[in-house]
């Protein structure tokens, strides 16, 4: 019998906390059951499998990221929007390293919650596209501009979260310089 108050949402919330503490590899049904105070079979009343839980975590983390990016970029444009979006992105990755890593995991075709994840990813894309349109980037160029921006931000955050910036130079200063470089590049984006 499941613990009173244990719901699917509560299981996902425990999983989100777990991955921030232990990383994505630390997400196991045994770990979640232990945190919930139940036996593993009790989790199956709320979540069908570990893969379904991973998918739910990726979807929820992507929703959270979209919310933060939207809040950062609302009411501003061009350089200020880019700076705000980039700092919100990095801030989320630093505060929630496991969740951030989960946002990079796309569900497999046909996987449970694929549609929910696609909607969450579309929310992120809407904010990024609006920011890039502030640079007068044509719609047919948005995919390339988005890939460039994502590669820069994700690369920086992944290296930072992985301890890849050990040199004695301010990481925040390096991030600011990267954003300034992205701003210049986007300002002269080829048509």
C-alpha atoms as a PDB file:
ATOM      1  CA  UNK A   1       0.000   0.000   0.000  1.00  0.00           C
ATOM      2  CA  UNK A   2       1.437   3.392  -0.974  1.00  0.00           C
ATOM      3  CA  UNK A   3       2.367   5.927   1.667  1.00  0.00           C
ATOM      4  CA  UNK A   4      -0.465   8.331   2.404  1.00  0.00           C
ATOM      5  CA  UNK A   5      -0.038  11.428   0.268  1.00  0.00           C
ATOM      6  CA  UNK A   6       2.317   9.789  -2.211  1.00  0.00           C
ATOM      7  CA  UNK A   7       1.263  10.806  -5.702  1.00  0.00           C
ATOM      8  CA  UNK A   8       2.798  10.798  -9.128  1.00  0.00           C
ATOM      9  CA  UNK A   9       3.696  14.483  -8.686  1.00  0.00           C
ATOM     10  CA  UNK A  10       5.320  13.726  -5.325  1.00  0.00           C
ATOM     11  CA  UNK A  11       7.395  10.953  -6.914  1.00  0.00           C
ATOM     12  CA  UNK A  12       8.536  13.321  -9.681  1.00  0.00           C
ATOM     13  CA  UNK A  13       9.376  16.009  -7.094  1.00  0.00           C
ATOM     14  CA  UNK A  14      11.499  13.506  -5.162  1.00  0.00           C
ATOM     15  CA  UNK A  15      13.219  12.536  -8.394  1.00  0.00           C
ATOM     16  CA  UNK A  16      13.992  16.184  -9.185  1.00  0.00           C
ATOM     17  CA  UNK A  17      15.573  16.658  -5.761  1.00  0.00           C
ATOM     18  CA  UNK A  18      17.486  13.408  -6.158  1.00  0.00           C
ATOM     19  CA  UNK A  19      19.073  14.268  -9.489  1.00  0.00           C
ATOM     20  CA  UNK A  20      20.223  17.651  -8.196  1.00  0.00           C
ATOM     21  CA  UNK A  21      21.940  15.876  -5.303  1.00  0.00           C
ATOM     22  CA  UNK A  22      23.169  12.688  -6.999  1.00  0.00           C
ATOM     23  CA  UNK A  23      23.104  13.432 -10.724  1.00  0.00           C
ATOM     24  CA  UNK A  24      21.059  11.644 -13.371  1.00  0.00           C
ATOM     25  CA  UNK A  25      22.889   8.383 -12.741  1.00  0.00           C
ATOM     26  CA  UNK A  26      21.734   8.522  -9.118  1.00  0.00           C
ATOM     27  CA  UNK A  27      18.097   8.327 -10.173  1.00  0.00           C
ATOM     28  CA  UNK A  28      16.956   4.803  -9.357  1.00  0.00           C
ATOM     29  CA  UNK A  29      13.621   3.488  -8.216  1.00  0.00           C
ATOM     30  CA  UNK A  30      15.288   2.142  -5.065  1.00  0.00           C
ATOM     31  CA  UNK A  31      16.596   5.635  -4.238  1.00  0.00           C
ATOM     32  CA  UNK A  32      13.172   7.227  -4.765  1.00  0.00           C
ATOM     33  CA  UNK A  33      11.407   4.497  -2.782  1.00  0.00           C
ATOM     34  CA  UNK A  34      13.833   5.019   0.097  1.00  0.00           C
ATOM     35  CA  UNK A  35      13.236   8.764   0.078  1.00  0.00           C
ATOM     36  CA  UNK A  36       9.480   8.207  -0.071  1.00  0.00           C
ATOM     37  CA  UNK A  37       9.554   5.661   2.738  1.00  0.00           C
ATOM     38  CA  UNK A  38       8.005   2.909   0.637  1.00  0.00           C
ATOM     39  CA  UNK A  39       9.100  -0.288  -1.073  1.00  0.00           C
ATOM     40  CA  UNK A  40       9.933  -0.137  -4.783  1.00  0.00           C
ATOM     41  CA  UNK A  41       6.756  -2.021  -5.853  1.00  0.00           C
ATOM     42  CA  UNK A  42       4.660   0.753  -4.274  1.00  0.00           C
ATOM     43  CA  UNK A  43       6.121   3.250  -6.750  1.00  0.00           C
ATOM     44  CA  UNK A  44       4.564   1.348  -9.639  1.00  0.00           C
ATOM     45  CA  UNK A  45       1.147   2.615  -8.550  1.00  0.00           C
ATOM     46  CA  UNK A  46       2.379   6.092  -9.514  1.00  0.00           C
ATOM     47  CA  UNK A  47       5.050   5.602 -12.165  1.00  0.00           C
ATOM     48  CA  UNK A  48       5.275   2.727 -14.669  1.00  0.00           C
ATOM     49  CA  UNK A  49       9.060   2.430 -14.888  1.00  0.00           C
ATOM     50  CA  UNK A  50      12.364   4.183 -14.352  1.00  0.00           C
ATOM     51  CA  UNK A  51      12.314   5.247 -18.002  1.00  0.00           C
ATOM     52  CA  UNK A  52       8.887   6.862 -17.533  1.00  0.00           C
ATOM     53  CA  UNK A  53      10.192   8.640 -14.430  1.00  0.00           C
ATOM     54  CA  UNK A  54      13.244   9.901 -16.348  1.00  0.00           C
ATOM     55  CA  UNK A  55      10.952  11.210 -19.054  1.00  0.00           C
ATOM     56  CA  UNK A  56       8.715  12.951 -16.501  1.00  0.00           C
ATOM     57  CA  UNK A  57      11.764  14.509 -14.844  1.00  0.00           C
ATOM     58  CA  UNK A  58      13.088  15.763 -18.197  1.00  0.00           C
ATOM     59  CA  UNK A  59       9.704  17.269 -19.008  1.00  0.00           C
ATOM     60  CA  UNK A  60       9.313  18.989 -15.636  1.00  0.00           C
ATOM     61  CA  UNK A  61      12.875  20.333 -15.679  1.00  0.00           C
ATOM     62  CA  UNK A  62      12.327  21.705 -19.189  1.00  0.00           C
ATOM     63  CA  UNK A  63       9.114  23.401 -18.007  1.00  0.00           C
ATOM     64  CA  UNK A  64      11.024  24.968 -15.109  1.00  0.00           C
ATOM     65  CA  UNK A  65      13.761  26.200 -17.442  1.00  0.00           C
ATOM     66  CA  UNK A  66      11.171  27.682 -19.823  1.00  0.00           C
ATOM     67  CA  UNK A  67       9.535  29.511 -16.915  1.00  0.00           C
ATOM     68  CA  UNK A  68      12.861  30.993 -15.792  1.00  0.00           C
ATOM     69  CA  UNK A  69      13.872  32.035 -19.301  1.00  0.00           C
ATOM     70  CA  UNK A  70      10.478  33.605 -19.968  1.00  0.00           C
ATOM     71  CA  UNK A  71      10.655  35.567 -16.722  1.00  0.00           C
ATOM     72  CA  UNK A  72      14.137  36.813 -17.540  1.00  0.00           C
ATOM     73  CA  UNK A  73      13.483  37.900 -21.116  1.00  0.00           C
ATOM     74  CA  UNK A  74      10.022  39.431 -20.754  1.00  0.00           C
ATOM     75  CA  UNK A  75       9.804  43.135 -21.490  1.00  0.00           C
ATOM     76  CA  UNK A  76      13.371  43.482 -22.787  1.00  0.00           C
ATOM     77  CA  UNK A  77      14.916  43.068 -26.210  1.00  0.00           C
ATOM     78  CA  UNK A  78      18.089  42.511 -28.123  1.00  0.00           C
ATOM     79  CA  UNK A  79      21.250  42.766 -25.977  1.00  0.00           C
ATOM     80  CA  UNK A  80      19.410  43.023 -22.660  1.00  0.00           C
ATOM     81  CA  UNK A  81      17.182  40.078 -23.579  1.00  0.00           C
ATOM     82  CA  UNK A  82      20.206  37.997 -24.604  1.00  0.00           C
ATOM     83  CA  UNK A  83      22.072  38.840 -21.393  1.00  0.00           C
ATOM     84  CA  UNK A  84      19.001  38.145 -19.257  1.00  0.00           C
ATOM     85  CA  UNK A  85      18.256  34.865 -21.010  1.00  0.00           C
ATOM     86  CA  UNK A  86      21.885  33.716 -20.808  1.00  0.00           C
ATOM     87  CA  UNK A  87      22.195  34.539 -17.111  1.00  0.00           C
ATOM     88  CA  UNK A  88      18.886  32.800 -16.354  1.00  0.00           C
ATOM     89  CA  UNK A  89      20.053  29.739 -18.296  1.00  0.00           C
ATOM     90  CA  UNK A  90      23.379  29.602 -16.472  1.00  0.00           C
ATOM     91  CA  UNK A  91      21.721  30.289 -13.122  1.00  0.00           C
ATOM     92  CA  UNK A  92      19.338  27.375 -13.606  1.00  0.00           C
ATOM     93  CA  UNK A  93      22.213  25.078 -14.608  1.00  0.00           C
ATOM     94  CA  UNK A  94      24.223  26.065 -11.517  1.00  0.00           C
ATOM     95  CA  UNK A  95      21.325  25.840  -9.045  1.00  0.00           C
ATOM     96  CA  UNK A  96      19.936  22.619 -10.485  1.00  0.00           C
ATOM     97  CA  UNK A  97      22.753  20.670 -12.145  1.00  0.00           C
ATOM     98  CA  UNK A  98      20.818  17.401 -12.328  1.00  0.00           C
ATOM     99  CA  UNK A  99      17.663  19.023 -13.613  1.00  0.00           C
ATOM    100  CA  UNK A 100      19.686  20.989 -16.134  1.00  0.00           C
ATOM    101  CA  UNK A 101      21.281  17.770 -17.380  1.00  0.00           C
ATOM    102  CA  UNK A 102      17.788  16.279 -17.692  1.00  0.00           C
ATOM    103  CA  UNK A 103      16.712  19.163 -19.965  1.00  0.00           C
ATOM    104  CA  UNK A 104      19.278  17.947 -22.478  1.00  0.00           C
ATOM    105  CA  UNK A 105      17.649  14.508 -22.646  1.00  0.00           C
ATOM    106  CA  UNK A 106      15.054  14.300 -25.387  1.00  0.00           C
ATOM    107  CA  UNK A 107      12.499  11.504 -25.096  1.00  0.00           C
ATOM    108  CA  UNK A 108      12.778   8.653 -27.535  1.00  0.00           C
ATOM    109  CA  UNK A 109      10.114   8.466 -30.259  1.00  0.00           C
ATOM    110  CA  UNK A 110       7.021   6.816 -28.832  1.00  0.00           C
ATOM    111  CA  UNK A 111       8.262   7.189 -25.270  1.00  0.00           C
ATOM    112  CA  UNK A 112       5.699   8.005 -22.617  1.00  0.00           C
ATOM    113  CA  UNK A 113       5.143  11.748 -22.212  1.00  0.00           C
ATOM    114  CA  UNK A 114       6.839  12.536 -25.536  1.00  0.00           C
ATOM    115  CA  UNK A 115       4.075  15.046 -26.334  1.00  0.00           C
ATOM    116  CA  UNK A 116       4.344  16.752 -22.929  1.00  0.00           C
ATOM    117  CA  UNK A 117       8.093  17.095 -23.364  1.00  0.00           C
ATOM    118  CA  UNK A 118       7.645  18.531 -26.863  1.00  0.00           C
ATOM    119  CA  UNK A 119       5.303  21.184 -25.446  1.00  0.00           C
ATOM    120  CA  UNK A 120       7.808  22.100 -22.721  1.00  0.00           C
ATOM    121  CA  UNK A 121      10.652  22.279 -25.253  1.00  0.00           C
ATOM    122  CA  UNK A 122       8.482  24.486 -27.478  1.00  0.00           C
ATOM    123  CA  UNK A 123       8.094  26.919 -24.570  1.00  0.00           C
ATOM    124  CA  UNK A 124      11.882  27.219 -24.321  1.00  0.00           C
ATOM    125  CA  UNK A 125      12.121  27.636 -28.085  1.00  0.00           C
ATOM    126  CA  UNK A 126       9.504  30.415 -28.082  1.00  0.00           C
ATOM    127  CA  UNK A 127      11.581  32.482 -25.645  1.00  0.00           C
ATOM    128  CA  UNK A 128      14.803  31.850 -27.554  1.00  0.00           C
ATOM    129  CA  UNK A 129      13.153  32.688 -30.900  1.00  0.00           C
ATOM    130  CA  UNK A 130      11.696  35.918 -29.518  1.00  0.00           C
ATOM    131  CA  UNK A 131      15.131  36.897 -28.231  1.00  0.00           C
ATOM    132  CA  UNK A 132      16.762  36.145 -31.584  1.00  0.00           C
ATOM    133  CA  UNK A 133      14.076  38.010 -33.530  1.00  0.00           C
ATOM    134  CA  UNK A 134      15.208  41.097 -31.598  1.00  0.00           C
ATOM    135  CA  UNK A 135      18.348  40.871 -33.735  1.00  0.00           C
ATOM    136  CA  UNK A 136      16.231  40.908 -36.912  1.00  0.00           C
ATOM    137  CA  UNK A 137      17.178  37.327 -37.696  1.00  0.00           C
ATOM    138  CA  UNK A 138      14.870  35.980 -40.375  1.00  0.00           C
ATOM    139  CA  UNK A 139      12.597  33.084 -39.511  1.00  0.00           C
ATOM    140  CA  UNK A 140      14.416  30.820 -41.972  1.00  0.00           C
ATOM    141  CA  UNK A 141      17.662  31.497 -40.066  1.00  0.00           C
ATOM    142  CA  UNK A 142      16.280  30.896 -36.556  1.00  0.00           C
ATOM    143  CA  UNK A 143      17.248  27.217 -36.426  1.00  0.00           C
ATOM    144  CA  UNK A 144      20.907  27.973 -37.135  1.00  0.00           C
ATOM    145  CA  UNK A 145      20.962  30.918 -34.719  1.00  0.00           C
ATOM    146  CA  UNK A 146      19.244  28.832 -32.041  1.00  0.00           C
ATOM    147  CA  UNK A 147      21.727  25.992 -32.470  1.00  0.00           C
ATOM    148  CA  UNK A 148      24.631  28.428 -32.199  1.00  0.00           C
ATOM    149  CA  UNK A 149      23.265  30.056 -29.048  1.00  0.00           C
ATOM    150  CA  UNK A 150      22.376  26.725 -27.457  1.00  0.00           C
ATOM    151  CA  UNK A 151      25.782  25.231 -28.247  1.00  0.00           C
ATOM    152  CA  UNK A 152      27.541  28.191 -26.624  1.00  0.00           C
ATOM    153  CA  UNK A 153      25.346  28.287 -23.511  1.00  0.00           C
ATOM    154  CA  UNK A 154      25.196  24.528 -23.033  1.00  0.00           C
ATOM    155  CA  UNK A 155      28.896  24.092 -23.664  1.00  0.00           C
ATOM    156  CA  UNK A 156      29.751  26.721 -21.082  1.00  0.00           C
ATOM    157  CA  UNK A 157      27.316  25.367 -18.487  1.00  0.00           C
ATOM    158  CA  UNK A 158      28.340  21.746 -19.019  1.00  0.00           C
ATOM    159  CA  UNK A 159      32.013  22.629 -18.620  1.00  0.00           C
ATOM    160  CA  UNK A 160      31.305  24.757 -15.560  1.00  0.00           C
ATOM    161  CA  UNK A 161      29.149  22.111 -13.878  1.00  0.00           C
ATOM    162  CA  UNK A 162      31.764  19.493 -14.698  1.00  0.00           C
ATOM    163  CA  UNK A 163      34.582  21.473 -13.091  1.00  0.00           C
ATOM    164  CA  UNK A 164      36.171  22.284 -16.445  1.00  0.00           C
ATOM    165  CA  UNK A 165      37.076  25.873 -15.615  1.00  0.00           C
ATOM    166  CA  UNK A 166      39.936  25.464 -13.164  1.00  0.00           C
ATOM    167  CA  UNK A 167      42.126  28.302 -14.448  1.00  0.00           C
ATOM    168  CA  UNK A 168      42.508  31.270 -12.067  1.00  0.00           C
ATOM    169  CA  UNK A 169      40.304  33.638 -14.085  1.00  0.00           C
ATOM    170  CA  UNK A 170      36.787  34.700 -13.132  1.00  0.00           C
ATOM    171  CA  UNK A 171      34.306  32.305 -14.703  1.00  0.00           C
ATOM    172  CA  UNK A 172      31.626  35.003 -14.550  1.00  0.00           C
ATOM    173  CA  UNK A 173      33.896  37.366 -16.469  1.00  0.00           C
ATOM    174  CA  UNK A 174      34.477  34.698 -19.105  1.00  0.00           C
ATOM    175  CA  UNK A 175      30.709  34.182 -19.339  1.00  0.00           C
ATOM    176  CA  UNK A 176      30.134  37.934 -19.777  1.00  0.00           C
ATOM    177  CA  UNK A 177      32.729  38.031 -22.561  1.00  0.00           C
ATOM    178  CA  UNK A 178      31.069  35.089 -24.273  1.00  0.00           C
ATOM    179  CA  UNK A 179      27.688  36.842 -24.136  1.00  0.00           C
ATOM    180  CA  UNK A 180      29.245  40.025 -25.545  1.00  0.00           C
ATOM    181  CA  UNK A 181      30.733  37.968 -28.384  1.00  0.00           C
ATOM    182  CA  UNK A 182      27.388  36.304 -29.055  1.00  0.00           C
ATOM    183  CA  UNK A 183      25.731  39.729 -29.095  1.00  0.00           C
ATOM    184  CA  UNK A 184      28.201  40.991 -31.718  1.00  0.00           C
ATOM    185  CA  UNK A 185      27.788  37.839 -33.784  1.00  0.00           C
ATOM    186  CA  UNK A 186      23.981  37.968 -33.655  1.00  0.00           C
ATOM    187  CA  UNK A 187      24.042  41.684 -34.541  1.00  0.00           C
ATOM    188  CA  UNK A 188      25.743  40.821 -37.835  1.00  0.00           C
ATOM    189  CA  UNK A 189      24.006  37.497 -38.517  1.00  0.00           C
ATOM    190  CA  UNK A 190      24.217  36.723 -42.251  1.00  0.00           C
ATOM    191  CA  UNK A 191      20.966  36.689 -44.181  1.00  0.00           C
END
